[in-house]
Amino acid sequence: MLPGMLVILITVIGLMMIGFNLVREKESGTIEQINVTPIMKWQLIVSRIILFFIIGLFDLALGLGIGWLAFNIPFEGSLLLFFACAAIFLVAVLGLALFFSTMASTQQQFLFIAFFFVMVFILMSGIFTPTESMPLWAQQFNLVNPVAYLMRINRMVMLKGSGFSEIMRDMAMLTILALSYLSLAIRAYRKRA
């Protein structure tokens, strides 16, 4: 259960923190001052992501440490591989959060959008029920669900001690999703010069 809890932790924290931050700036009007700066759109978005990326990895390390100390849950695989996959996942989640924040004008709107997607992603990811027992349409939905990929990776690395060759396919798909969601966020962000 710890691999699933860690996935939920960094999904919710990563998605909510950056999204609320950007929408709050929209509401207060400070985003307009940032938008007129002479930097490019992608530079602004990457600078936003860096802080929340670091916070997400720190929270993951904290959750992993608590799981190991408090519950004595063994970690069988490579920590480096584990954190590399989590870093790719965080880029995907932060990209989604940025995209959702471009659609929302208020924090309440963002909360409704983000909550809907987070719940669907988590419930469909295989954290609580095996994806193999889901109908075909649900299994196909998981092709665009980054939570499902990280869930499989976490279980394989943490509990089975799997190496890069066993998780390579899931890691590649997670990377494609991360780049897709981040580029979607960059395209959707409207910057006025």
N, C-alpha and C. Protein backbone atom coordinates (compact mmCIF):
# COMPACT_ATOMS: atom_id res chain seq x y z
N MET A 1 0.81 -1.20 0.00
CA MET A 1 0.00 0.00 0.00
C MET A 1 0.85 1.27 0.00
N LEU A 2 2.08 1.18 0.54
CA LEU A 2 2.94 2.37 0.57
C LEU A 2 3.25 2.89 -0.84
N PRO A 3 3.54 2.05 -1.82
CA PRO A 3 3.78 2.60 -3.16
C PRO A 3 2.59 3.43 -3.67
N GLY A 4 1.38 2.95 -3.40
CA GLY A 4 0.19 3.69 -3.81
C GLY A 4 0.02 5.00 -3.07
N MET A 5 0.29 4.98 -1.77
CA MET A 5 0.18 6.21 -0.98
C MET A 5 1.20 7.26 -1.44
N LEU A 6 2.39 6.82 -1.80
CA LEU A 6 3.41 7.76 -2.29
C LEU A 6 2.98 8.38 -3.61
N VAL A 7 2.37 7.59 -4.47
CA VAL A 7 1.88 8.12 -5.75
C VAL A 7 0.77 9.14 -5.50
N ILE A 8 -0.16 8.82 -4.62
CA ILE A 8 -1.24 9.76 -4.30
C ILE A 8 -0.66 11.04 -3.71
N LEU A 9 0.31 10.90 -2.82
CA LEU A 9 0.92 12.06 -2.16
C LEU A 9 1.51 13.03 -3.18
N ILE A 10 2.35 12.54 -4.07
CA ILE A 10 2.99 13.49 -4.99
C ILE A 10 2.04 13.94 -6.09
N THR A 11 1.01 13.16 -6.39
CA THR A 11 0.02 13.60 -7.38
C THR A 11 -0.76 14.78 -6.83
N VAL A 12 -1.31 14.63 -5.65
CA VAL A 12 -2.14 15.68 -5.08
C VAL A 12 -1.32 16.92 -4.76
N ILE A 13 -0.17 16.74 -4.14
CA ILE A 13 0.65 17.89 -3.79
C ILE A 13 1.14 18.61 -5.04
N GLY A 14 1.65 17.86 -6.01
CA GLY A 14 2.15 18.47 -7.22
C GLY A 14 1.08 19.21 -8.00
N LEU A 15 -0.07 18.60 -8.14
CA LEU A 15 -1.14 19.19 -8.93
C LEU A 15 -1.76 20.39 -8.23
N MET A 16 -2.06 20.27 -6.97
CA MET A 16 -2.78 21.33 -6.28
C MET A 16 -1.91 22.56 -5.99
N MET A 17 -0.68 22.34 -5.57
CA MET A 17 0.14 23.48 -5.16
C MET A 17 0.41 24.45 -6.30
N ILE A 18 0.87 23.94 -7.43
CA ILE A 18 1.21 24.85 -8.53
C ILE A 18 -0.05 25.45 -9.15
N GLY A 19 -1.11 24.66 -9.24
CA GLY A 19 -2.34 25.17 -9.83
C GLY A 19 -2.95 26.28 -9.01
N PHE A 20 -3.05 26.08 -7.71
CA PHE A 20 -3.59 27.13 -6.84
C PHE A 20 -2.71 28.37 -6.88
N ASN A 21 -1.41 28.18 -6.95
CA ASN A 21 -0.49 29.31 -7.00
C ASN A 21 -0.74 30.17 -8.23
N LEU A 22 -0.86 29.55 -9.38
CA LEU A 22 -1.07 30.30 -10.62
C LEU A 22 -2.45 30.95 -10.68
N VAL A 23 -3.46 30.24 -10.24
CA VAL A 23 -4.81 30.80 -10.29
C VAL A 23 -4.94 31.94 -9.27
N ARG A 24 -4.29 31.82 -8.13
CA ARG A 24 -4.30 32.91 -7.14
C ARG A 24 -3.67 34.16 -7.73
N GLU A 25 -2.61 33.99 -8.51
CA GLU A 25 -1.99 35.14 -9.17
C GLU A 25 -2.92 35.74 -10.21
N LYS A 26 -3.70 34.92 -10.88
CA LYS A 26 -4.70 35.45 -11.82
C LYS A 26 -5.72 36.29 -11.08
N GLU A 27 -6.21 35.76 -9.95
CA GLU A 27 -7.23 36.47 -9.19
C GLU A 27 -6.73 37.79 -8.63
N SER A 28 -5.49 37.82 -8.18
CA SER A 28 -4.95 39.04 -7.58
C SER A 28 -4.42 40.02 -8.62
N GLY A 29 -4.21 39.57 -9.84
CA GLY A 29 -3.74 40.46 -10.90
C GLY A 29 -2.23 40.50 -11.07
N THR A 30 -1.49 39.82 -10.24
CA THR A 30 -0.03 39.85 -10.37
C THR A 30 0.46 39.09 -11.60
N ILE A 31 -0.35 38.22 -12.13
CA ILE A 31 0.06 37.47 -13.33
C ILE A 31 0.22 38.41 -14.52
N GLU A 32 -0.56 39.50 -14.53
CA GLU A 32 -0.44 40.47 -15.62
C GLU A 32 0.92 41.15 -15.61
N GLN A 33 1.44 41.44 -14.44
CA GLN A 33 2.78 42.04 -14.34
C GLN A 33 3.84 41.06 -14.82
N ILE A 34 3.66 39.79 -14.50
CA ILE A 34 4.62 38.77 -14.93
C ILE A 34 4.53 38.57 -16.44
N ASN A 35 3.33 38.65 -16.98
CA ASN A 35 3.13 38.40 -18.41
C ASN A 35 3.78 39.45 -19.30
N VAL A 36 3.97 40.66 -18.80
CA VAL A 36 4.57 41.70 -19.64
C VAL A 36 6.09 41.73 -19.56
N THR A 37 6.68 40.82 -18.81
CA THR A 37 8.14 40.74 -18.76
C THR A 37 8.66 40.22 -20.10
N PRO A 38 9.90 40.56 -20.45
CA PRO A 38 10.42 40.17 -21.77
C PRO A 38 10.96 38.74 -21.86
N ILE A 39 10.50 37.84 -21.03
CA ILE A 39 10.96 36.45 -21.14
C ILE A 39 9.98 35.65 -21.98
N MET A 40 10.46 34.55 -22.51
CA MET A 40 9.61 33.71 -23.36
C MET A 40 8.65 32.88 -22.50
N LYS A 41 7.59 32.43 -23.13
CA LYS A 41 6.54 31.68 -22.44
C LYS A 41 7.09 30.41 -21.79
N TRP A 42 7.90 29.66 -22.49
CA TRP A 42 8.42 28.40 -21.94
C TRP A 42 9.35 28.66 -20.77
N GLN A 43 10.10 29.77 -20.79
CA GLN A 43 10.98 30.10 -19.68
C GLN A 43 10.18 30.40 -18.41
N LEU A 44 9.08 31.11 -18.59
CA LEU A 44 8.22 31.42 -17.45
C LEU A 44 7.64 30.15 -16.84
N ILE A 45 7.18 29.25 -17.69
CA ILE A 45 6.57 28.01 -17.20
C ILE A 45 7.60 27.11 -16.53
N VAL A 46 8.76 26.98 -17.12
CA VAL A 46 9.80 26.14 -16.51
C VAL A 46 10.24 26.72 -15.16
N SER A 47 10.33 28.04 -15.08
CA SER A 47 10.71 28.65 -13.80
C SER A 47 9.64 28.41 -12.74
N ARG A 48 8.40 28.33 -13.14
CA ARG A 48 7.32 28.02 -12.20
C ARG A 48 7.42 26.58 -11.70
N ILE A 49 7.76 25.69 -12.58
CA ILE A 49 7.76 24.27 -12.27
C ILE A 49 8.88 23.89 -11.30
N ILE A 50 10.02 24.53 -11.40
CA ILE A 50 11.21 24.10 -10.65
C ILE A 50 10.96 24.00 -9.15
N LEU A 51 10.38 25.02 -8.55
CA LEU A 51 10.14 25.01 -7.10
C LEU A 51 9.23 23.86 -6.69
N PHE A 52 8.13 23.70 -7.40
CA PHE A 52 7.17 22.66 -7.04
C PHE A 52 7.70 21.26 -7.36
N PHE A 53 8.58 21.17 -8.33
CA PHE A 53 9.26 19.92 -8.64
C PHE A 53 10.13 19.50 -7.45
N ILE A 54 10.88 20.43 -6.92
CA ILE A 54 11.74 20.14 -5.76
C ILE A 54 10.90 19.78 -4.54
N ILE A 55 9.82 20.52 -4.32
CA ILE A 55 8.93 20.22 -3.18
C ILE A 55 8.34 18.82 -3.33
N GLY A 56 7.92 18.45 -4.53
CA GLY A 56 7.35 17.12 -4.77
C GLY A 56 8.34 16.01 -4.48
N LEU A 57 9.58 16.17 -4.92
CA LEU A 57 10.60 15.16 -4.65
C LEU A 57 10.93 15.08 -3.16
N PHE A 58 10.94 16.24 -2.50
CA PHE A 58 11.19 16.25 -1.05
C PHE A 58 10.06 15.52 -0.32
N ASP A 59 8.82 15.78 -0.71
CA ASP A 59 7.68 15.10 -0.08
C ASP A 59 7.73 13.60 -0.32
N LEU A 60 8.15 13.20 -1.50
CA LEU A 60 8.29 11.78 -1.80
C LEU A 60 9.35 11.14 -0.90
N ALA A 61 10.48 11.81 -0.76
CA ALA A 61 11.55 11.29 0.12
C ALA A 61 11.07 11.22 1.56
N LEU A 62 10.34 12.23 2.00
CA LEU A 62 9.80 12.24 3.36
C LEU A 62 8.82 11.08 3.56
N GLY A 63 7.91 10.89 2.61
CA GLY A 63 6.95 9.79 2.71
C GLY A 63 7.62 8.43 2.68
N LEU A 64 8.64 8.29 1.86
CA LEU A 64 9.39 7.04 1.79
C LEU A 64 10.12 6.78 3.11
N GLY A 65 10.70 7.83 3.67
CA GLY A 65 11.40 7.70 4.95
C GLY A 65 10.47 7.33 6.08
N ILE A 66 9.30 7.95 6.11
CA ILE A 66 8.31 7.62 7.15
C ILE A 66 7.84 6.18 6.99
N GLY A 67 7.60 5.75 5.76
CA GLY A 67 7.19 4.36 5.52
C GLY A 67 8.24 3.37 5.97
N TRP A 68 9.50 3.71 5.76
CA TRP A 68 10.58 2.82 6.16
C TRP A 68 10.78 2.83 7.67
N LEU A 69 10.77 4.01 8.29
CA LEU A 69 11.01 4.11 9.73
C LEU A 69 9.82 3.64 10.57
N ALA A 70 8.64 4.12 10.22
CA ALA A 70 7.46 3.83 11.05
C ALA A 70 6.90 2.43 10.81
N PHE A 71 6.95 1.97 9.56
CA PHE A 71 6.30 0.70 9.24
C PHE A 71 7.27 -0.38 8.82
N ASN A 72 8.55 -0.05 8.78
CA ASN A 72 9.60 -1.01 8.44
C ASN A 72 9.34 -1.69 7.09
N ILE A 73 8.91 -0.90 6.12
CA ILE A 73 8.64 -1.44 4.79
C ILE A 73 9.96 -1.46 4.02
N PRO A 74 10.37 -2.62 3.55
CA PRO A 74 11.66 -2.71 2.85
C PRO A 74 11.59 -2.08 1.47
N PHE A 75 12.72 -1.60 1.01
CA PHE A 75 12.85 -1.05 -0.34
C PHE A 75 13.83 -1.94 -1.08
N GLU A 76 13.34 -2.70 -2.04
CA GLU A 76 14.15 -3.73 -2.70
C GLU A 76 14.97 -3.23 -3.88
N GLY A 77 14.51 -2.17 -4.54
CA GLY A 77 15.15 -1.74 -5.79
C GLY A 77 16.11 -0.59 -5.64
N SER A 78 16.35 0.09 -6.75
CA SER A 78 17.28 1.20 -6.82
C SER A 78 16.58 2.51 -6.47
N LEU A 79 17.11 3.22 -5.50
CA LEU A 79 16.56 4.53 -5.14
C LEU A 79 16.72 5.53 -6.28
N LEU A 80 17.82 5.46 -6.98
CA LEU A 80 18.07 6.37 -8.09
C LEU A 80 17.02 6.18 -9.19
N LEU A 81 16.73 4.95 -9.53
CA LEU A 81 15.72 4.64 -10.53
C LEU A 81 14.34 5.08 -10.05
N PHE A 82 14.06 4.85 -8.79
CA PHE A 82 12.79 5.24 -8.19
C PHE A 82 12.58 6.75 -8.29
N PHE A 83 13.58 7.52 -7.91
CA PHE A 83 13.46 8.98 -7.95
C PHE A 83 13.50 9.52 -9.37
N ALA A 84 14.20 8.86 -10.27
CA ALA A 84 14.20 9.28 -11.67
C ALA A 84 12.80 9.16 -12.27
N CYS A 85 12.14 8.05 -11.99
CA CYS A 85 10.76 7.85 -12.48
C CYS A 85 9.81 8.84 -11.83
N ALA A 86 9.98 9.09 -10.54
CA ALA A 86 9.14 10.06 -9.85
C ALA A 86 9.35 11.46 -10.41
N ALA A 87 10.57 11.79 -10.80
CA ALA A 87 10.85 13.10 -11.38
C ALA A 87 10.14 13.26 -12.72
N ILE A 88 10.17 12.23 -13.54
CA ILE A 88 9.46 12.27 -14.82
C ILE A 88 7.96 12.42 -14.57
N PHE A 89 7.45 11.68 -13.60
CA PHE A 89 6.03 11.76 -13.26
C PHE A 89 5.66 13.16 -12.79
N LEU A 90 6.51 13.76 -11.97
CA LEU A 90 6.23 15.11 -11.48
C LEU A 90 6.15 16.12 -12.62
N VAL A 91 6.99 15.97 -13.63
CA VAL A 91 6.91 16.86 -14.79
C VAL A 91 5.55 16.71 -15.47
N ALA A 92 5.07 15.47 -15.59
CA ALA A 92 3.75 15.23 -16.19
C ALA A 92 2.65 15.87 -15.36
N VAL A 93 2.68 15.67 -14.06
CA VAL A 93 1.64 16.21 -13.17
C VAL A 93 1.68 17.73 -13.14
N LEU A 94 2.86 18.30 -13.09
CA LEU A 94 2.98 19.75 -13.07
C LEU A 94 2.53 20.34 -14.40
N GLY A 95 2.80 19.66 -15.50
CA GLY A 95 2.30 20.10 -16.80
C GLY A 95 0.79 20.09 -16.85
N LEU A 96 0.18 19.03 -16.32
CA LEU A 96 -1.28 18.98 -16.25
C LEU A 96 -1.84 20.11 -15.39
N ALA A 97 -1.20 20.35 -14.26
CA ALA A 97 -1.66 21.41 -13.36
C ALA A 97 -1.59 22.77 -14.04
N LEU A 98 -0.52 23.01 -14.77
CA LEU A 98 -0.40 24.27 -15.50
C LEU A 98 -1.49 24.38 -16.57
N PHE A 99 -1.75 23.28 -17.25
CA PHE A 99 -2.81 23.29 -18.26
C PHE A 99 -4.17 23.57 -17.63
N PHE A 100 -4.47 22.91 -16.53
CA PHE A 100 -5.74 23.14 -15.85
C PHE A 100 -5.85 24.57 -15.35
N SER A 101 -4.75 25.15 -14.90
CA SER A 101 -4.79 26.52 -14.39
C SER A 101 -5.02 27.53 -15.51
N THR A 102 -4.67 27.18 -16.75
CA THR A 102 -4.96 28.09 -17.86
C THR A 102 -6.46 28.11 -18.18
N MET A 103 -7.16 27.04 -17.84
CA MET A 103 -8.60 26.97 -18.10
C MET A 103 -9.43 27.61 -17.00
N ALA A 104 -8.86 27.77 -15.82
CA ALA A 104 -9.63 28.24 -14.66
C ALA A 104 -9.37 29.72 -14.41
N SER A 105 -10.43 30.43 -14.04
CA SER A 105 -10.31 31.84 -13.69
C SER A 105 -10.24 32.04 -12.18
N THR A 106 -10.80 31.10 -11.44
CA THR A 106 -10.81 31.21 -9.98
C THR A 106 -10.26 29.92 -9.37
N GLN A 107 -9.93 30.00 -8.10
CA GLN A 107 -9.40 28.82 -7.41
C GLN A 107 -10.46 27.73 -7.31
N GLN A 108 -11.72 28.13 -7.18
CA GLN A 108 -12.79 27.13 -7.11
C GLN A 108 -12.91 26.36 -8.43
N GLN A 109 -12.81 27.07 -9.54
CA GLN A 109 -12.86 26.40 -10.84
C GLN A 109 -11.70 25.42 -10.98
N PHE A 110 -10.52 25.87 -10.59
CA PHE A 110 -9.36 24.98 -10.67
C PHE A 110 -9.57 23.75 -9.79
N LEU A 111 -10.10 23.95 -8.59
CA LEU A 111 -10.32 22.83 -7.68
C LEU A 111 -11.25 21.80 -8.30
N PHE A 112 -12.34 22.24 -8.92
CA PHE A 112 -13.27 21.30 -9.53
C PHE A 112 -12.62 20.53 -10.68
N ILE A 113 -11.89 21.24 -11.53
CA ILE A 113 -11.23 20.58 -12.67
C ILE A 113 -10.19 19.58 -12.16
N ALA A 114 -9.33 20.05 -11.28
CA ALA A 114 -8.24 19.20 -10.79
C ALA A 114 -8.76 18.02 -9.98
N PHE A 115 -9.76 18.26 -9.13
CA PHE A 115 -10.31 17.18 -8.31
C PHE A 115 -10.90 16.08 -9.18
N PHE A 116 -11.61 16.47 -10.22
CA PHE A 116 -12.20 15.48 -11.12
C PHE A 116 -11.11 14.60 -11.75
N PHE A 117 -10.09 15.23 -12.31
CA PHE A 117 -9.04 14.45 -12.96
C PHE A 117 -8.22 13.64 -11.98
N VAL A 118 -7.92 14.20 -10.82
CA VAL A 118 -7.14 13.46 -9.82
C VAL A 118 -7.90 12.21 -9.38
N MET A 119 -9.18 12.35 -9.10
CA MET A 119 -9.97 11.20 -8.66
C MET A 119 -10.02 10.12 -9.74
N VAL A 120 -10.26 10.54 -10.97
CA VAL A 120 -10.32 9.56 -12.07
C VAL A 120 -8.97 8.89 -12.26
N PHE A 121 -7.91 9.67 -12.27
CA PHE A 121 -6.57 9.10 -12.45
C PHE A 121 -6.23 8.11 -11.35
N ILE A 122 -6.52 8.49 -10.12
CA ILE A 122 -6.17 7.62 -8.99
C ILE A 122 -7.01 6.34 -8.99
N LEU A 123 -8.32 6.49 -9.17
CA LEU A 123 -9.20 5.32 -9.13
C LEU A 123 -8.95 4.35 -10.29
N MET A 124 -8.53 4.88 -11.44
CA MET A 124 -8.31 4.03 -12.60
C MET A 124 -6.89 3.48 -12.68
N SER A 125 -6.01 3.90 -11.79
CA SER A 125 -4.59 3.60 -11.93
C SER A 125 -4.17 2.21 -11.47
N GLY A 126 -5.01 1.52 -10.76
CA GLY A 126 -4.62 0.21 -10.25
C GLY A 126 -4.12 0.25 -8.82
N ILE A 127 -4.28 1.37 -8.16
CA ILE A 127 -3.87 1.46 -6.76
C ILE A 127 -4.77 0.60 -5.88
N PHE A 128 -6.06 0.64 -6.15
CA PHE A 128 -7.01 -0.08 -5.31
C PHE A 128 -7.51 -1.38 -5.93
N THR A 129 -7.58 -1.43 -7.24
CA THR A 129 -8.01 -2.65 -7.93
C THR A 129 -7.05 -2.91 -9.09
N PRO A 130 -6.77 -4.16 -9.40
CA PRO A 130 -5.85 -4.45 -10.51
C PRO A 130 -6.41 -3.98 -11.84
N THR A 131 -5.57 -3.39 -12.66
CA THR A 131 -6.03 -2.90 -13.96
C THR A 131 -6.44 -4.04 -14.89
N GLU A 132 -5.89 -5.23 -14.66
CA GLU A 132 -6.24 -6.37 -15.50
C GLU A 132 -7.70 -6.78 -15.34
N SER A 133 -8.30 -6.48 -14.20
CA SER A 133 -9.70 -6.84 -13.97
C SER A 133 -10.66 -5.75 -14.44
N MET A 134 -10.13 -4.65 -14.95
CA MET A 134 -10.98 -3.56 -15.44
C MET A 134 -11.44 -3.87 -16.86
N PRO A 135 -12.56 -3.25 -17.28
CA PRO A 135 -13.00 -3.43 -18.67
C PRO A 135 -11.95 -2.87 -19.65
N LEU A 136 -12.07 -3.25 -20.89
CA LEU A 136 -11.09 -2.86 -21.90
C LEU A 136 -10.98 -1.35 -22.04
N TRP A 137 -12.11 -0.63 -22.00
CA TRP A 137 -12.05 0.83 -22.15
C TRP A 137 -11.27 1.47 -21.01
N ALA A 138 -11.37 0.91 -19.81
CA ALA A 138 -10.64 1.45 -18.66
C ALA A 138 -9.15 1.17 -18.80
N GLN A 139 -8.81 0.00 -19.31
CA GLN A 139 -7.41 -0.32 -19.54
C GLN A 139 -6.82 0.59 -20.61
N GLN A 140 -7.61 0.91 -21.63
CA GLN A 140 -7.13 1.81 -22.68
C GLN A 140 -7.02 3.25 -22.17
N PHE A 141 -7.89 3.64 -21.25
CA PHE A 141 -7.78 4.97 -20.65
C PHE A 141 -6.44 5.14 -19.94
N ASN A 142 -5.97 4.07 -19.35
CA ASN A 142 -4.71 4.14 -18.60
C ASN A 142 -3.49 4.40 -19.49
N LEU A 143 -3.67 4.36 -20.81
CA LEU A 143 -2.57 4.72 -21.70
C LEU A 143 -2.19 6.19 -21.56
N VAL A 144 -3.14 7.05 -21.15
CA VAL A 144 -2.86 8.48 -20.95
C VAL A 144 -2.90 8.87 -19.48
N ASN A 145 -2.86 7.89 -18.61
CA ASN A 145 -2.92 8.13 -17.17
C ASN A 145 -1.52 7.99 -16.56
N PRO A 146 -0.88 9.11 -16.22
CA PRO A 146 0.48 9.00 -15.67
C PRO A 146 0.52 8.30 -14.31
N VAL A 147 -0.57 8.38 -13.56
CA VAL A 147 -0.61 7.74 -12.24
C VAL A 147 -0.50 6.23 -12.38
N ALA A 148 -1.11 5.67 -13.41
CA ALA A 148 -1.05 4.22 -13.63
C ALA A 148 0.38 3.76 -13.90
N TYR A 149 1.11 4.54 -14.68
CA TYR A 149 2.50 4.16 -14.98
C TYR A 149 3.37 4.22 -13.73
N LEU A 150 3.25 5.31 -12.97
CA LEU A 150 4.09 5.41 -11.77
C LEU A 150 3.69 4.37 -10.74
N MET A 151 2.42 4.02 -10.68
CA MET A 151 1.98 2.99 -9.74
C MET A 151 2.65 1.66 -10.05
N ARG A 152 2.65 1.29 -11.33
CA ARG A 152 3.31 0.03 -11.72
C ARG A 152 4.81 0.09 -11.45
N ILE A 153 5.41 1.22 -11.79
CA ILE A 153 6.85 1.38 -11.58
C ILE A 153 7.19 1.29 -10.10
N ASN A 154 6.43 1.99 -9.26
CA ASN A 154 6.70 1.97 -7.81
C ASN A 154 6.62 0.56 -7.25
N ARG A 155 5.59 -0.17 -7.62
CA ARG A 155 5.46 -1.54 -7.12
C ARG A 155 6.62 -2.42 -7.58
N MET A 156 6.98 -2.26 -8.84
CA MET A 156 8.05 -3.10 -9.38
C MET A 156 9.40 -2.77 -8.75
N VAL A 157 9.69 -1.49 -8.59
CA VAL A 157 11.00 -1.09 -8.04
C VAL A 157 11.04 -1.29 -6.53
N MET A 158 10.01 -0.83 -5.83
CA MET A 158 10.03 -0.89 -4.36
C MET A 158 9.89 -2.31 -3.82
N LEU A 159 8.93 -3.04 -4.35
CA LEU A 159 8.59 -4.33 -3.76
C LEU A 159 9.29 -5.52 -4.42
N LYS A 160 9.50 -5.43 -5.74
CA LYS A 160 10.11 -6.56 -6.45
C LYS A 160 11.60 -6.38 -6.71
N GLY A 161 12.08 -5.14 -6.60
CA GLY A 161 13.49 -4.89 -6.89
C GLY A 161 13.81 -4.88 -8.38
N SER A 162 12.82 -4.55 -9.20
CA SER A 162 13.02 -4.54 -10.66
C SER A 162 14.04 -3.49 -11.07
N GLY A 163 14.73 -3.77 -12.15
CA GLY A 163 15.71 -2.84 -12.69
C GLY A 163 15.15 -2.08 -13.89
N PHE A 164 16.04 -1.35 -14.54
CA PHE A 164 15.64 -0.50 -15.66
C PHE A 164 15.01 -1.29 -16.80
N SER A 165 15.55 -2.45 -17.10
CA SER A 165 15.04 -3.23 -18.24
C SER A 165 13.59 -3.67 -18.04
N GLU A 166 13.19 -3.91 -16.80
CA GLU A 166 11.80 -4.34 -16.53
C GLU A 166 10.80 -3.18 -16.59
N ILE A 167 11.25 -1.97 -16.28
CA ILE A 167 10.32 -0.84 -16.26
C ILE A 167 10.51 0.10 -17.44
N MET A 168 11.36 -0.27 -18.37
CA MET A 168 11.72 0.61 -19.48
C MET A 168 10.49 1.07 -20.28
N ARG A 169 9.57 0.17 -20.57
CA ARG A 169 8.39 0.53 -21.35
C ARG A 169 7.53 1.54 -20.61
N ASP A 170 7.26 1.29 -19.33
CA ASP A 170 6.45 2.22 -18.55
C ASP A 170 7.15 3.56 -18.38
N MET A 171 8.45 3.53 -18.21
CA MET A 171 9.21 4.77 -18.06
C MET A 171 9.19 5.58 -19.36
N ALA A 172 9.28 4.90 -20.50
CA ALA A 172 9.23 5.58 -21.79
C ALA A 172 7.86 6.22 -22.01
N MET A 173 6.80 5.49 -21.69
CA MET A 173 5.45 6.04 -21.83
C MET A 173 5.23 7.23 -20.89
N LEU A 174 5.75 7.13 -19.69
CA LEU A 174 5.64 8.23 -18.73
C LEU A 174 6.39 9.46 -19.24
N THR A 175 7.53 9.26 -19.86
CA THR A 175 8.29 10.37 -20.44
C THR A 175 7.52 11.02 -21.58
N ILE A 176 6.91 10.22 -22.43
CA ILE A 176 6.10 10.76 -23.54
C ILE A 176 4.94 11.57 -22.99
N LEU A 177 4.27 11.05 -21.97
CA LEU A 177 3.16 11.80 -21.35
C LEU A 177 3.65 13.09 -20.72
N ALA A 178 4.78 13.05 -20.04
CA ALA A 178 5.31 14.25 -19.39
C ALA A 178 5.60 15.33 -20.43
N LEU A 179 6.26 14.96 -21.51
CA LEU A 179 6.56 15.94 -22.56
C LEU A 179 5.29 16.45 -23.24
N SER A 180 4.32 15.56 -23.43
CA SER A 180 3.06 15.96 -24.06
C SER A 180 2.29 16.93 -23.18
N TYR A 181 2.16 16.61 -21.90
CA TYR A 181 1.40 17.48 -21.00
C TYR A 181 2.09 18.81 -20.79
N LEU A 182 3.41 18.81 -20.73
CA LEU A 182 4.14 20.06 -20.56
C LEU A 182 4.02 20.93 -21.81
N SER A 183 4.13 20.34 -22.99
CA SER A 183 3.98 21.13 -24.22
C SER A 183 2.55 21.62 -24.38
N LEU A 184 1.58 20.84 -23.94
CA LEU A 184 0.18 21.28 -23.95
C LEU A 184 0.00 22.50 -23.04
N ALA A 185 0.62 22.48 -21.89
CA ALA A 185 0.53 23.61 -20.96
C ALA A 185 1.20 24.85 -21.54
N ILE A 186 2.33 24.67 -22.19
CA ILE A 186 3.04 25.81 -22.79
C ILE A 186 2.20 26.42 -23.91
N ARG A 187 1.59 25.58 -24.72
CA ARG A 187 0.74 26.09 -25.81
C ARG A 187 -0.51 26.78 -25.30
N ALA A 188 -1.08 26.27 -24.21
CA ALA A 188 -2.33 26.83 -23.70
C ALA A 188 -2.12 28.13 -22.93
N TYR A 189 -0.92 28.35 -22.43
CA TYR A 189 -0.65 29.55 -21.63
C TYR A 189 -0.63 30.77 -22.53
N ARG A 190 -1.43 31.77 -22.17
CA ARG A 190 -1.50 32.99 -22.95
C ARG A 190 -0.67 34.08 -22.28
N LYS A 191 0.38 34.48 -22.96
CA LYS A 191 1.25 35.53 -22.43
C LYS A 191 1.11 36.75 -23.33
N ARG A 192 0.82 37.87 -22.73
CA ARG A 192 0.68 39.11 -23.50
C ARG A 192 1.97 39.91 -23.35
N ALA A 193 2.56 40.26 -24.47
CA ALA A 193 3.81 41.02 -24.42
C ALA A 193 3.56 42.51 -24.56
